[in-house]
């Protein structure tokens, strides 16, 4: 099972990534001003995963990626994949695991393991 991981960008905006069960990033969301917007977007994905489309593309370096979309709005962009098969496996993992994935919040700048 994968996980949604909430964190902060350098500009203090929020984002989330969806990681595979092995911990590898599958996609990264767009930026959100408020953490609540980030959490709402994750819940929307979990509840309506079948309504999203995946637009496949190829980067200038020849690697493959996809954009996760709702109608004409880009929700997230995937990492780069070396083959179309690996790209499809990433999409399949989202469809199979997103609804039951955990949400981890690492947006607080507190050290997890104090001295």
PDB file of N, CA and C in Angstrom:
ATOM      1  N   UNK A   1       0.841  -1.169   0.000  1.00  0.00           N
ATOM      2  CA  UNK A   1       0.000   0.000   0.000  1.00  0.00           C
ATOM      3  C   UNK A   1       0.893   1.241   0.000  1.00  0.00           C
ATOM      4  N   UNK A   2       0.497   2.249  -0.761  1.00  0.00           N
ATOM      5  CA  UNK A   2       1.241   3.498  -0.842  1.00  0.00           C
ATOM      6  C   UNK A   2       0.860   4.449   0.284  1.00  0.00           C
ATOM      7  N   UNK A   3       1.396   5.662   0.195  1.00  0.00           N
ATOM      8  CA  UNK A   3       1.097   6.677   1.206  1.00  0.00           C
ATOM      9  C   UNK A   3       1.137   8.063   0.570  1.00  0.00           C
ATOM     10  N   UNK A   4       0.284   8.925   1.060  1.00  0.00           N
ATOM     11  CA  UNK A   4       0.328  10.341   0.712  1.00  0.00           C
ATOM     12  C   UNK A   4       1.166  11.023   1.786  1.00  0.00           C
ATOM     13  N   UNK A   5       2.181  11.776   1.374  1.00  0.00           N
ATOM     14  CA  UNK A   5       3.077  12.429   2.321  1.00  0.00           C
ATOM     15  C   UNK A   5       2.998  13.940   2.116  1.00  0.00           C
ATOM     16  N   UNK A   6       2.503  14.650   3.130  1.00  0.00           N
ATOM     17  CA  UNK A   6       2.376  16.101   3.078  1.00  0.00           C
ATOM     18  C   UNK A   6       3.670  16.725   3.595  1.00  0.00           C
ATOM     19  N   UNK A   7       4.150  17.738   2.880  1.00  0.00           N
ATOM     20  CA  UNK A   7       5.350  18.462   3.319  1.00  0.00           C
ATOM     21  C   UNK A   7       5.257  19.906   2.829  1.00  0.00           C
ATOM     22  N   UNK A   8       6.238  20.696   3.221  1.00  0.00           N
ATOM     23  CA  UNK A   8       6.288  22.093   2.800  1.00  0.00           C
ATOM     24  C   UNK A   8       7.368  22.271   1.747  1.00  0.00           C
ATOM     25  N   UNK A   9       7.087  23.143   0.799  1.00  0.00           N
ATOM     26  CA  UNK A   9       8.098  23.539  -0.176  1.00  0.00           C
ATOM     27  C   UNK A   9       8.957  24.634   0.443  1.00  0.00           C
ATOM     28  N   UNK A  10      10.011  25.037  -0.251  1.00  0.00           N
ATOM     29  CA  UNK A  10      10.894  26.086   0.263  1.00  0.00           C
ATOM     30  C   UNK A  10      10.186  27.436   0.368  1.00  0.00           C
ATOM     31  N   UNK A  11       9.130  27.644  -0.428  1.00  0.00           N
ATOM     32  CA  UNK A  11       8.395  28.909  -0.387  1.00  0.00           C
ATOM     33  C   UNK A  11       7.250  28.892   0.634  1.00  0.00           C
ATOM     34  N   UNK A  12       7.261  27.929   1.551  1.00  0.00           N
ATOM     35  CA  UNK A  12       6.263  27.763   2.613  1.00  0.00           C
ATOM     36  C   UNK A  12       4.879  27.369   2.119  1.00  0.00           C
ATOM     37  N   UNK A  13       4.773  26.926   0.884  1.00  0.00           N
ATOM     38  CA  UNK A  13       3.508  26.385   0.386  1.00  0.00           C
ATOM     39  C   UNK A  13       3.531  24.872   0.619  1.00  0.00           C
ATOM     40  N   UNK A  14       2.351  24.272   0.630  1.00  0.00           N
ATOM     41  CA  UNK A  14       2.238  22.841   0.911  1.00  0.00           C
ATOM     42  C   UNK A  14       2.153  22.035  -0.377  1.00  0.00           C
ATOM     43  N   UNK A  15       2.584  20.798  -0.297  1.00  0.00           N
ATOM     44  CA  UNK A  15       2.483  19.844  -1.397  1.00  0.00           C
ATOM     45  C   UNK A  15       2.307  18.458  -0.791  1.00  0.00           C
ATOM     46  N   UNK A  16       1.948  17.505  -1.619  1.00  0.00           N
ATOM     47  CA  UNK A  16       1.986  16.118  -1.178  1.00  0.00           C
ATOM     48  C   UNK A  16       2.552  15.270  -2.296  1.00  0.00           C
ATOM     49  N   UNK A  17       3.144  14.176  -1.908  1.00  0.00           N
ATOM     50  CA  UNK A  17       3.611  13.186  -2.875  1.00  0.00           C
ATOM     51  C   UNK A  17       2.877  11.881  -2.573  1.00  0.00           C
ATOM     52  N   UNK A  18       2.690  11.085  -3.599  1.00  0.00           N
ATOM     53  CA  UNK A  18       2.163   9.746  -3.412  1.00  0.00           C
ATOM     54  C   UNK A  18       3.326   8.804  -3.620  1.00  0.00           C
ATOM     55  N   UNK A  19       3.607   7.982  -2.619  1.00  0.00           N
ATOM     56  CA  UNK A  19       4.726   7.055  -2.692  1.00  0.00           C
ATOM     57  C   UNK A  19       4.221   5.619  -2.803  1.00  0.00           C
ATOM     58  N   UNK A  20       5.017   4.806  -3.457  1.00  0.00           N
ATOM     59  CA  UNK A  20       4.687   3.382  -3.595  1.00  0.00           C
ATOM     60  C   UNK A  20       4.911   2.681  -2.266  1.00  0.00           C
ATOM     61  N   UNK A  21       4.541   1.423  -2.205  1.00  0.00           N
ATOM     62  CA  UNK A  21       4.745   0.654  -0.981  1.00  0.00           C
ATOM     63  C   UNK A  21       6.225   0.470  -0.684  1.00  0.00           C
ATOM     64  N   UNK A  22       7.069   0.669  -1.689  1.00  0.00           N
ATOM     65  CA  UNK A  22       8.517   0.578  -1.486  1.00  0.00           C
ATOM     66  C   UNK A  22       9.124   1.929  -1.133  1.00  0.00           C
ATOM     67  N   UNK A  23       8.292   2.974  -1.051  1.00  0.00           N
ATOM     68  CA  UNK A  23       8.772   4.287  -0.659  1.00  0.00           C
ATOM     69  C   UNK A  23       9.227   5.178  -1.800  1.00  0.00           C
ATOM     70  N   UNK A  24       9.029   4.758  -3.027  1.00  0.00           N
ATOM     71  CA  UNK A  24       9.454   5.540  -4.184  1.00  0.00           C
ATOM     72  C   UNK A  24       8.343   6.508  -4.588  1.00  0.00           C
ATOM     73  N   UNK A  25       8.692   7.759  -4.853  1.00  0.00           N
ATOM     74  CA  UNK A  25       7.702   8.764  -5.249  1.00  0.00           C
ATOM     75  C   UNK A  25       7.106   8.402  -6.604  1.00  0.00           C
ATOM     76  N   UNK A  26       5.777   8.431  -6.693  1.00  0.00           N
ATOM     77  CA  UNK A  26       5.093   8.193  -7.956  1.00  0.00           C
ATOM     78  C   UNK A  26       4.674   9.525  -8.575  1.00  0.00           C
ATOM     79  N   UNK A  27       4.077  10.408  -7.763  1.00  0.00           N
ATOM     80  CA  UNK A  27       3.755  11.737  -8.276  1.00  0.00           C
ATOM     81  C   UNK A  27       3.852  12.785  -7.188  1.00  0.00           C
ATOM     82  N   UNK A  28       3.957  14.043  -7.615  1.00  0.00           N
ATOM     83  CA  UNK A  28       4.010  15.194  -6.723  1.00  0.00           C
ATOM     84  C   UNK A  28       2.886  16.141  -7.107  1.00  0.00           C
ATOM     85  N   UNK A  29       2.171  16.627  -6.121  1.00  0.00           N
ATOM     86  CA  UNK A  29       1.037  17.517  -6.369  1.00  0.00           C
ATOM     87  C   UNK A  29       1.482  18.915  -6.748  1.00  0.00           C
ATOM     88  N   UNK A  30       0.526  19.716  -7.144  1.00  0.00           N
ATOM     89  CA  UNK A  30       0.765  21.141  -7.318  1.00  0.00           C
ATOM     90  C   UNK A  30       0.869  21.768  -5.932  1.00  0.00           C
ATOM     91  N   UNK A  31       1.197  23.053  -5.852  1.00  0.00           N
ATOM     92  CA  UNK A  31       1.350  23.742  -4.565  1.00  0.00           C
ATOM     93  C   UNK A  31       0.010  24.209  -4.021  1.00  0.00           C
ATOM     94  N   UNK A  32      -0.073  24.249  -2.701  1.00  0.00           N
ATOM     95  CA  UNK A  32      -1.266  24.730  -2.004  1.00  0.00           C
ATOM     96  C   UNK A  32      -0.843  25.779  -0.988  1.00  0.00           C
ATOM     97  N   UNK A  33      -1.641  26.831  -0.862  1.00  0.00           N
ATOM     98  CA  UNK A  33      -1.327  27.873   0.111  1.00  0.00           C
ATOM     99  C   UNK A  33      -1.600  27.407   1.534  1.00  0.00           C
ATOM    100  N   UNK A  34      -2.684  26.640   1.719  1.00  0.00           N
ATOM    101  CA  UNK A  34      -3.079  26.172   3.045  1.00  0.00           C
ATOM    102  C   UNK A  34      -2.970  24.659   3.143  1.00  0.00           C
ATOM    103  N   UNK A  35      -2.590  24.169   4.315  1.00  0.00           N
ATOM    104  CA  UNK A  35      -2.497  22.719   4.533  1.00  0.00           C
ATOM    105  C   UNK A  35      -3.860  22.063   4.376  1.00  0.00           C
ATOM    106  N   UNK A  36      -4.912  22.771   4.780  1.00  0.00           N
ATOM    107  CA  UNK A  36      -6.269  22.236   4.656  1.00  0.00           C
ATOM    108  C   UNK A  36      -6.613  21.939   3.184  1.00  0.00           C
ATOM    109  N   UNK A  37      -6.166  22.787   2.270  1.00  0.00           N
ATOM    110  CA  UNK A  37      -6.410  22.561   0.842  1.00  0.00           C
ATOM    111  C   UNK A  37      -5.692  21.296   0.376  1.00  0.00           C
ATOM    112  N   UNK A  38      -4.514  21.099   0.884  1.00  0.00           N
ATOM    113  CA  UNK A  38      -3.724  19.910   0.572  1.00  0.00           C
ATOM    114  C   UNK A  38      -4.450  18.650   1.063  1.00  0.00           C
ATOM    115  N   UNK A  39      -4.910  18.687   2.283  1.00  0.00           N
ATOM    116  CA  UNK A  39      -5.633  17.545   2.864  1.00  0.00           C
ATOM    117  C   UNK A  39      -6.935  17.279   2.114  1.00  0.00           C
ATOM    118  N   UNK A  40      -7.639  18.344   1.723  1.00  0.00           N
ATOM    119  CA  UNK A  40      -8.885  18.184   0.963  1.00  0.00           C
ATOM    120  C   UNK A  40      -8.627  17.542  -0.397  1.00  0.00           C
ATOM    121  N   UNK A  41      -7.544  17.934  -1.039  1.00  0.00           N
ATOM    122  CA  UNK A  41      -7.196  17.366  -2.338  1.00  0.00           C
ATOM    123  C   UNK A  41      -6.893  15.870  -2.218  1.00  0.00           C
ATOM    124  N   UNK A  42      -6.195  15.487  -1.168  1.00  0.00           N
ATOM    125  CA  UNK A  42      -5.901  14.062  -0.938  1.00  0.00           C
ATOM    126  C   UNK A  42      -7.200  13.286  -0.740  1.00  0.00           C
ATOM    127  N   UNK A  43      -8.098  13.816   0.072  1.00  0.00           N
ATOM    128  CA  UNK A  43      -9.374  13.126   0.308  1.00  0.00           C
ATOM    129  C   UNK A  43     -10.181  12.998  -0.982  1.00  0.00           C
ATOM    130  N   UNK A  44     -10.153  14.034  -1.800  1.00  0.00           N
ATOM    131  CA  UNK A  44     -10.853  14.009  -3.094  1.00  0.00           C
ATOM    132  C   UNK A  44     -10.284  12.906  -3.982  1.00  0.00           C
ATOM    133  N   UNK A  45      -8.971  12.784  -4.007  1.00  0.00           N
ATOM    134  CA  UNK A  45      -8.332  11.727  -4.793  1.00  0.00           C
ATOM    135  C   UNK A  45      -8.732  10.359  -4.261  1.00  0.00           C
ATOM    136  N   UNK A  46      -8.678  10.187  -2.950  1.00  0.00           N
ATOM    137  CA  UNK A  46      -9.000   8.887  -2.351  1.00  0.00           C
ATOM    138  C   UNK A  46     -10.447   8.474  -2.626  1.00  0.00           C
ATOM    139  N   UNK A  47     -11.362   9.433  -2.592  1.00  0.00           N
ATOM    140  CA  UNK A  47     -12.781   9.119  -2.783  1.00  0.00           C
ATOM    141  C   UNK A  47     -13.175   8.944  -4.250  1.00  0.00           C
ATOM    142  N   UNK A  48     -12.463   9.613  -5.158  1.00  0.00           N
ATOM    143  CA  UNK A  48     -12.875   9.634  -6.566  1.00  0.00           C
ATOM    144  C   UNK A  48     -11.756   9.247  -7.519  1.00  0.00           C
ATOM    145  N   UNK A  49     -10.909   8.312  -7.147  1.00  0.00           N
ATOM    146  CA  UNK A  49      -9.743   7.961  -7.953  1.00  0.00           C
ATOM    147  C   UNK A  49     -10.123   7.551  -9.375  1.00  0.00           C
ATOM    148  N   UNK A  50     -11.282   6.954  -9.556  1.00  0.00           N
ATOM    149  CA  UNK A  50     -11.679   6.489 -10.893  1.00  0.00           C
ATOM    150  C   UNK A  50     -12.052   7.637 -11.838  1.00  0.00           C
ATOM    151  N   UNK A  51     -12.255   8.844 -11.320  1.00  0.00           N
ATOM    152  CA  UNK A  51     -12.641   9.989 -12.147  1.00  0.00           C
ATOM    153  C   UNK A  51     -11.451  10.754 -12.729  1.00  0.00           C
ATOM    154  N   UNK A  52     -10.236  10.418 -12.313  1.00  0.00           N
ATOM    155  CA  UNK A  52      -9.056  11.130 -12.786  1.00  0.00           C
ATOM    156  C   UNK A  52      -8.549  10.514 -14.086  1.00  0.00           C
ATOM    157  N   UNK A  53      -7.960  11.354 -14.920  1.00  0.00           N
ATOM    158  CA  UNK A  53      -7.341  10.856 -16.150  1.00  0.00           C
ATOM    159  C   UNK A  53      -5.832  11.047 -16.046  1.00  0.00           C
ATOM    160  N   UNK A  54      -5.105  10.306 -16.858  1.00  0.00           N
ATOM    161  CA  UNK A  54      -3.650  10.327 -16.824  1.00  0.00           C
ATOM    162  C   UNK A  54      -3.148  10.602 -18.229  1.00  0.00           C
ATOM    163  N   UNK A  55      -2.577  11.778 -18.424  1.00  0.00           N
ATOM    164  CA  UNK A  55      -2.064  12.175 -19.727  1.00  0.00           C
ATOM    165  C   UNK A  55      -0.582  11.819 -19.774  1.00  0.00           C
ATOM    166  N   UNK A  56      -0.244  10.894 -20.653  1.00  0.00           N
ATOM    167  CA  UNK A  56       1.137  10.420 -20.768  1.00  0.00           C
ATOM    168  C   UNK A  56       1.910  11.331 -21.715  1.00  0.00           C
ATOM    169  N   UNK A  57       3.181  11.546 -21.401  1.00  0.00           N
ATOM    170  CA  UNK A  57       4.031  12.400 -22.225  1.00  0.00           C
ATOM    171  C   UNK A  57       5.465  11.906 -22.160  1.00  0.00           C
ATOM    172  N   UNK A  58       6.290  12.527 -22.985  1.00  0.00           N
ATOM    173  CA  UNK A  58       7.707  12.171 -23.013  1.00  0.00           C
ATOM    174  C   UNK A  58       8.522  13.448 -22.850  1.00  0.00           C
ATOM    175  N   UNK A  59       9.478  13.421 -21.952  1.00  0.00           N
ATOM    176  CA  UNK A  59      10.325  14.583 -21.684  1.00  0.00           C
ATOM    177  C   UNK A  59      11.390  14.716 -22.780  1.00  0.00           C
ATOM    178  N   UNK A  60      12.050  15.862 -22.795  1.00  0.00           N
ATOM    179  CA  UNK A  60      13.087  16.115 -23.788  1.00  0.00           C
ATOM    180  C   UNK A  60      14.242  15.112 -23.704  1.00  0.00           C
ATOM    181  N   UNK A  61      14.480  14.571 -22.513  1.00  0.00           N
ATOM    182  CA  UNK A  61      15.564  13.588 -22.341  1.00  0.00           C
ATOM    183  C   UNK A  61      15.140  12.169 -22.706  1.00  0.00           C
ATOM    184  N   UNK A  62      13.904  12.005 -23.201  1.00  0.00           N
ATOM    185  CA  UNK A  62      13.432  10.695 -23.645  1.00  0.00           C
ATOM    186  C   UNK A  62      12.709   9.888 -22.586  1.00  0.00           C
ATOM    187  N   UNK A  63      12.660  10.381 -21.356  1.00  0.00           N
ATOM    188  CA  UNK A  63      11.971   9.643 -20.292  1.00  0.00           C
ATOM    189  C   UNK A  63      10.470   9.936 -20.333  1.00  0.00           C
ATOM    190  N   UNK A  64       9.708   9.047 -19.725  1.00  0.00           N
ATOM    191  CA  UNK A  64       8.252   9.124 -19.746  1.00  0.00           C
ATOM    192  C   UNK A  64       7.722   9.650 -18.419  1.00  0.00           C
ATOM    193  N   UNK A  65       6.604  10.369 -18.489  1.00  0.00           N
ATOM    194  CA  UNK A  65       5.933  10.845 -17.283  1.00  0.00           C
ATOM    195  C   UNK A  65       4.452  11.026 -17.598  1.00  0.00           C
ATOM    196  N   UNK A  66       3.654  11.248 -16.568  1.00  0.00           N
ATOM    197  CA  UNK A  66       2.234  11.516 -16.776  1.00  0.00           C
ATOM    198  C   UNK A  66       1.789  12.666 -15.898  1.00  0.00           C
ATOM    199  N   UNK A  67       0.691  13.263 -16.310  1.00  0.00           N
ATOM    200  CA  UNK A  67       0.036  14.298 -15.504  1.00  0.00           C
ATOM    201  C   UNK A  67      -1.315  13.740 -15.093  1.00  0.00           C
ATOM    202  N   UNK A  68      -1.584  13.777 -13.796  1.00  0.00           N
ATOM    203  CA  UNK A  68      -2.861  13.335 -13.262  1.00  0.00           C
ATOM    204  C   UNK A  68      -3.813  14.521 -13.339  1.00  0.00           C
ATOM    205  N   UNK A  69      -4.955  14.329 -14.011  1.00  0.00           N
ATOM    206  CA  UNK A  69      -5.836  15.455 -14.296  1.00  0.00           C
ATOM    207  C   UNK A  69      -7.274  15.173 -13.892  1.00  0.00           C
ATOM    208  N   UNK A  70      -7.955  16.258 -13.505  1.00  0.00           N
ATOM    209  CA  UNK A  70      -9.400  16.233 -13.292  1.00  0.00           C
ATOM    210  C   UNK A  70      -9.942  17.272 -14.254  1.00  0.00           C
ATOM    211  N   UNK A  71     -10.661  16.811 -15.269  1.00  0.00           N
ATOM    212  CA  UNK A  71     -11.129  17.657 -16.365  1.00  0.00           C
ATOM    213  C   UNK A  71      -9.914  18.323 -17.006  1.00  0.00           C
ATOM    214  N   UNK A  72      -9.778  19.646 -16.959  1.00  0.00           N
ATOM    215  CA  UNK A  72      -8.632  20.320 -17.585  1.00  0.00           C
ATOM    216  C   UNK A  72      -7.606  20.812 -16.573  1.00  0.00           C
ATOM    217  N   UNK A  73      -7.721  20.379 -15.325  1.00  0.00           N
ATOM    218  CA  UNK A  73      -6.844  20.853 -14.257  1.00  0.00           C
ATOM    219  C   UNK A  73      -5.805  19.797 -13.914  1.00  0.00           C
ATOM    220  N   UNK A  74      -4.534  20.208 -13.921  1.00  0.00           N
ATOM    221  CA  UNK A  74      -3.455  19.292 -13.517  1.00  0.00           C
ATOM    222  C   UNK A  74      -3.431  19.223 -11.999  1.00  0.00           C
ATOM    223  N   UNK A  75      -3.562  18.024 -11.464  1.00  0.00           N
ATOM    224  CA  UNK A  75      -3.550  17.789 -10.023  1.00  0.00           C
ATOM    225  C   UNK A  75      -2.138  17.450  -9.556  1.00  0.00           C
ATOM    226  N   UNK A  76      -1.433  16.648 -10.377  1.00  0.00           N
ATOM    227  CA  UNK A  76      -0.096  16.195  -9.992  1.00  0.00           C
ATOM    228  C   UNK A  76       0.690  15.798 -11.237  1.00  0.00           C
ATOM    229  N   UNK A  77       2.007  15.772 -11.084  1.00  0.00           N
ATOM    230  CA  UNK A  77       2.905  15.342 -12.155  1.00  0.00           C
ATOM    231  C   UNK A  77       3.778  14.215 -11.619  1.00  0.00           C
ATOM    232  N   UNK A  78       3.934  13.183 -12.430  1.00  0.00           N
ATOM    233  CA  UNK A  78       4.688  12.012 -11.980  1.00  0.00           C
ATOM    234  C   UNK A  78       6.188  12.239 -12.044  1.00  0.00           C
ATOM    235  N   UNK A  79       6.897  11.300 -11.451  1.00  0.00           N
ATOM    236  CA  UNK A  79       8.350  11.267 -11.617  1.00  0.00           C
ATOM    237  C   UNK A  79       8.619  10.778 -13.037  1.00  0.00           C
ATOM    238  N   UNK A  80       9.870  10.761 -13.443  1.00  0.00           N
ATOM    239  CA  UNK A  80      10.244  10.298 -14.783  1.00  0.00           C
ATOM    240  C   UNK A  80      10.497   8.785 -14.755  1.00  0.00           C
ATOM    241  N   UNK A  81      10.026   8.112 -15.799  1.00  0.00           N
ATOM    242  CA  UNK A  81      10.183   6.665 -15.938  1.00  0.00           C
ATOM    243  C   UNK A  81      11.007   6.365 -17.187  1.00  0.00           C
ATOM    244  N   UNK A  82      11.743   5.271 -17.165  1.00  0.00           N
ATOM    245  CA  UNK A  82      12.593   4.928 -18.305  1.00  0.00           C
ATOM    246  C   UNK A  82      11.845   4.207 -19.420  1.00  0.00           C
ATOM    247  N   UNK A  83      10.736   3.519 -19.082  1.00  0.00           N
ATOM    248  CA  UNK A  83       9.988   2.781 -20.108  1.00  0.00           C
ATOM    249  C   UNK A  83       8.490   3.038 -19.968  1.00  0.00           C
ATOM    250  N   UNK A  84       7.738   2.866 -21.052  1.00  0.00           N
ATOM    251  CA  UNK A  84       6.279   3.000 -20.970  1.00  0.00           C
ATOM    252  C   UNK A  84       5.648   1.982 -20.012  1.00  0.00           C
ATOM    253  N   UNK A  85       6.242   0.798 -19.896  1.00  0.00           N
ATOM    254  CA  UNK A  85       5.725  -0.228 -18.993  1.00  0.00           C
ATOM    255  C   UNK A  85       5.816   0.230 -17.541  1.00  0.00           C
ATOM    256  N   UNK A  86       6.954   0.798 -17.141  1.00  0.00           N
ATOM    257  CA  UNK A  86       7.107   1.304 -15.772  1.00  0.00           C
ATOM    258  C   UNK A  86       6.144   2.468 -15.516  1.00  0.00           C
ATOM    259  N   UNK A  87       5.938   3.301 -16.516  1.00  0.00           N
ATOM    260  CA  UNK A  87       4.972   4.396 -16.405  1.00  0.00           C
ATOM    261  C   UNK A  87       3.579   3.844 -16.112  1.00  0.00           C
ATOM    262  N   UNK A  88       3.178   2.832 -16.857  1.00  0.00           N
ATOM    263  CA  UNK A  88       1.855   2.242 -16.658  1.00  0.00           C
ATOM    264  C   UNK A  88       1.737   1.575 -15.289  1.00  0.00           C
ATOM    265  N   UNK A  89       2.822   0.960 -14.828  1.00  0.00           N
ATOM    266  CA  UNK A  89       2.814   0.357 -13.490  1.00  0.00           C
ATOM    267  C   UNK A  89       2.601   1.419 -12.412  1.00  0.00           C
ATOM    268  N   UNK A  90       3.186   2.609 -12.595  1.00  0.00           N
ATOM    269  CA  UNK A  90       2.969   3.706 -11.659  1.00  0.00           C
ATOM    270  C   UNK A  90       1.518   4.130 -11.614  1.00  0.00           C
ATOM    271  N   UNK A  91       0.902   4.251 -12.777  1.00  0.00           N
ATOM    272  CA  UNK A  91      -0.518   4.615 -12.852  1.00  0.00           C
ATOM    273  C   UNK A  91      -1.371   3.531 -12.209  1.00  0.00           C
ATOM    274  N   UNK A  92      -1.070   2.278 -12.508  1.00  0.00           N
ATOM    275  CA  UNK A  92      -1.832   1.160 -11.937  1.00  0.00           C
ATOM    276  C   UNK A  92      -1.741   1.139 -10.415  1.00  0.00           C
ATOM    277  N   UNK A  93      -0.570   1.455  -9.876  1.00  0.00           N
ATOM    278  CA  UNK A  93      -0.411   1.467  -8.417  1.00  0.00           C
ATOM    279  C   UNK A  93      -1.287   2.544  -7.784  1.00  0.00           C
ATOM    280  N   UNK A  94      -1.381   3.702  -8.425  1.00  0.00           N
ATOM    281  CA  UNK A  94      -2.254   4.766  -7.913  1.00  0.00           C
ATOM    282  C   UNK A  94      -3.696   4.281  -7.869  1.00  0.00           C
ATOM    283  N   UNK A  95      -4.157   3.717  -8.971  1.00  0.00           N
ATOM    284  CA  UNK A  95      -5.548   3.276  -9.074  1.00  0.00           C
ATOM    285  C   UNK A  95      -5.859   2.198  -8.036  1.00  0.00           C
ATOM    286  N   UNK A  96      -4.930   1.282  -7.819  1.00  0.00           N
ATOM    287  CA  UNK A  96      -5.162   0.181  -6.875  1.00  0.00           C
ATOM    288  C   UNK A  96      -5.011   0.594  -5.407  1.00  0.00           C
ATOM    289  N   UNK A  97      -4.078   1.486  -5.103  1.00  0.00           N
ATOM    290  CA  UNK A  97      -3.721   1.725  -3.711  1.00  0.00           C
ATOM    291  C   UNK A  97      -4.175   3.059  -3.127  1.00  0.00           C
ATOM    292  N   UNK A  98      -4.494   4.040  -3.947  1.00  0.00           N
ATOM    293  CA  UNK A  98      -4.760   5.395  -3.431  1.00  0.00           C
ATOM    294  C   UNK A  98      -5.908   5.432  -2.421  1.00  0.00           C
ATOM    295  N   UNK A  99      -6.989   4.744  -2.704  1.00  0.00           N
ATOM    296  CA  UNK A  99      -8.169   4.823  -1.842  1.00  0.00           C
ATOM    297  C   UNK A  99      -7.903   4.339  -0.420  1.00  0.00           C
ATOM    298  N   UNK A 100      -6.988   3.399  -0.249  1.00  0.00           N
ATOM    299  CA  UNK A 100      -6.736   2.851   1.085  1.00  0.00           C
ATOM    300  C   UNK A 100      -5.382   3.258   1.656  1.00  0.00           C
ATOM    301  N   UNK A 101      -4.746   4.250   1.042  1.00  0.00           N
ATOM    302  CA  UNK A 101      -3.419   4.690   1.481  1.00  0.00           C
ATOM    303  C   UNK A 101      -3.491   5.597   2.704  1.00  0.00           C
ATOM    304  N   UNK A 102      -2.445   5.543   3.511  1.00  0.00           N
ATOM    305  CA  UNK A 102      -2.338   6.405   4.689  1.00  0.00           C
ATOM    306  C   UNK A 102      -1.910   7.804   4.272  1.00  0.00           C
ATOM    307  N   UNK A 103      -2.162   8.762   5.159  1.00  0.00           N
ATOM    308  CA  UNK A 103      -1.704  10.131   4.960  1.00  0.00           C
ATOM    309  C   UNK A 103      -0.708  10.444   6.070  1.00  0.00           C
ATOM    310  N   UNK A 104       0.507  10.818   5.680  1.00  0.00           N
ATOM    311  CA  UNK A 104       1.558  11.163   6.631  1.00  0.00           C
ATOM    312  C   UNK A 104       1.835  12.655   6.503  1.00  0.00           C
ATOM    313  N   UNK A 105       1.925  13.348   7.632  1.00  0.00           N
ATOM    314  CA  UNK A 105       2.126  14.791   7.611  1.00  0.00           C
ATOM    315  C   UNK A 105       3.520  15.132   8.143  1.00  0.00           C
ATOM    316  N   UNK A 106       4.401  15.566   7.244  1.00  0.00           N
ATOM    317  CA  UNK A 106       5.746  15.988   7.616  1.00  0.00           C
ATOM    318  C   UNK A 106       5.923  17.482   7.396  1.00  0.00           C
ATOM    319  N   UNK A 107       4.817  18.232   7.454  1.00  0.00           N
ATOM    320  CA  UNK A 107       4.884  19.668   7.178  1.00  0.00           C
ATOM    321  C   UNK A 107       5.337  20.489   8.380  1.00  0.00           C
ATOM    322  N   UNK A 108       5.306  19.912   9.565  1.00  0.00           N
ATOM    323  CA  UNK A 108       5.760  20.604  10.756  1.00  0.00           C
ATOM    324  C   UNK A 108       7.278  20.497  10.818  1.00  0.00           C
ATOM    325  N   UNK A 109       7.943  21.591  11.054  1.00  0.00           N
ATOM    326  CA  UNK A 109       9.404  21.606  11.032  1.00  0.00           C
ATOM    327  C   UNK A 109      10.032  21.176  12.351  1.00  0.00           C
ATOM    328  N   UNK A 110       9.448  20.215  13.010  1.00  0.00           N
ATOM    329  CA  UNK A 110      10.010  19.711  14.255  1.00  0.00           C
ATOM    330  C   UNK A 110      10.837  18.473  13.958  1.00  0.00           C
ATOM    331  N   UNK A 111      11.954  18.341  14.662  1.00  0.00           N
ATOM    332  CA  UNK A 111      12.804  17.181  14.450  1.00  0.00           C
ATOM    333  C   UNK A 111      12.138  15.963  15.074  1.00  0.00           C
ATOM    334  N   UNK A 112      12.020  14.910  14.288  1.00  0.00           N
ATOM    335  CA  UNK A 112      11.291  13.716  14.718  1.00  0.00           C
ATOM    336  C   UNK A 112      12.023  12.972  15.826  1.00  0.00           C
ATOM    337  N   UNK A 113      13.347  12.926  15.759  1.00  0.00           N
ATOM    338  CA  UNK A 113      14.124  12.189  16.740  1.00  0.00           C
ATOM    339  C   UNK A 113      15.028  13.167  17.511  1.00  0.00           C
ATOM    340  N   UNK A 114      14.508  13.763  18.576  1.00  0.00           N
ATOM    341  CA  UNK A 114      15.330  14.717  19.318  1.00  0.00           C
ATOM    342  C   UNK A 114      16.521  14.033  19.978  1.00  0.00           C
ATOM    343  N   UNK A 115      17.549  14.823  20.299  1.00  0.00           N
ATOM    344  CA  UNK A 115      18.765  14.273  20.925  1.00  0.00           C
ATOM    345  C   UNK A 115      18.472  13.727  22.313  1.00  0.00           C
TER     346      UNK A 115
END
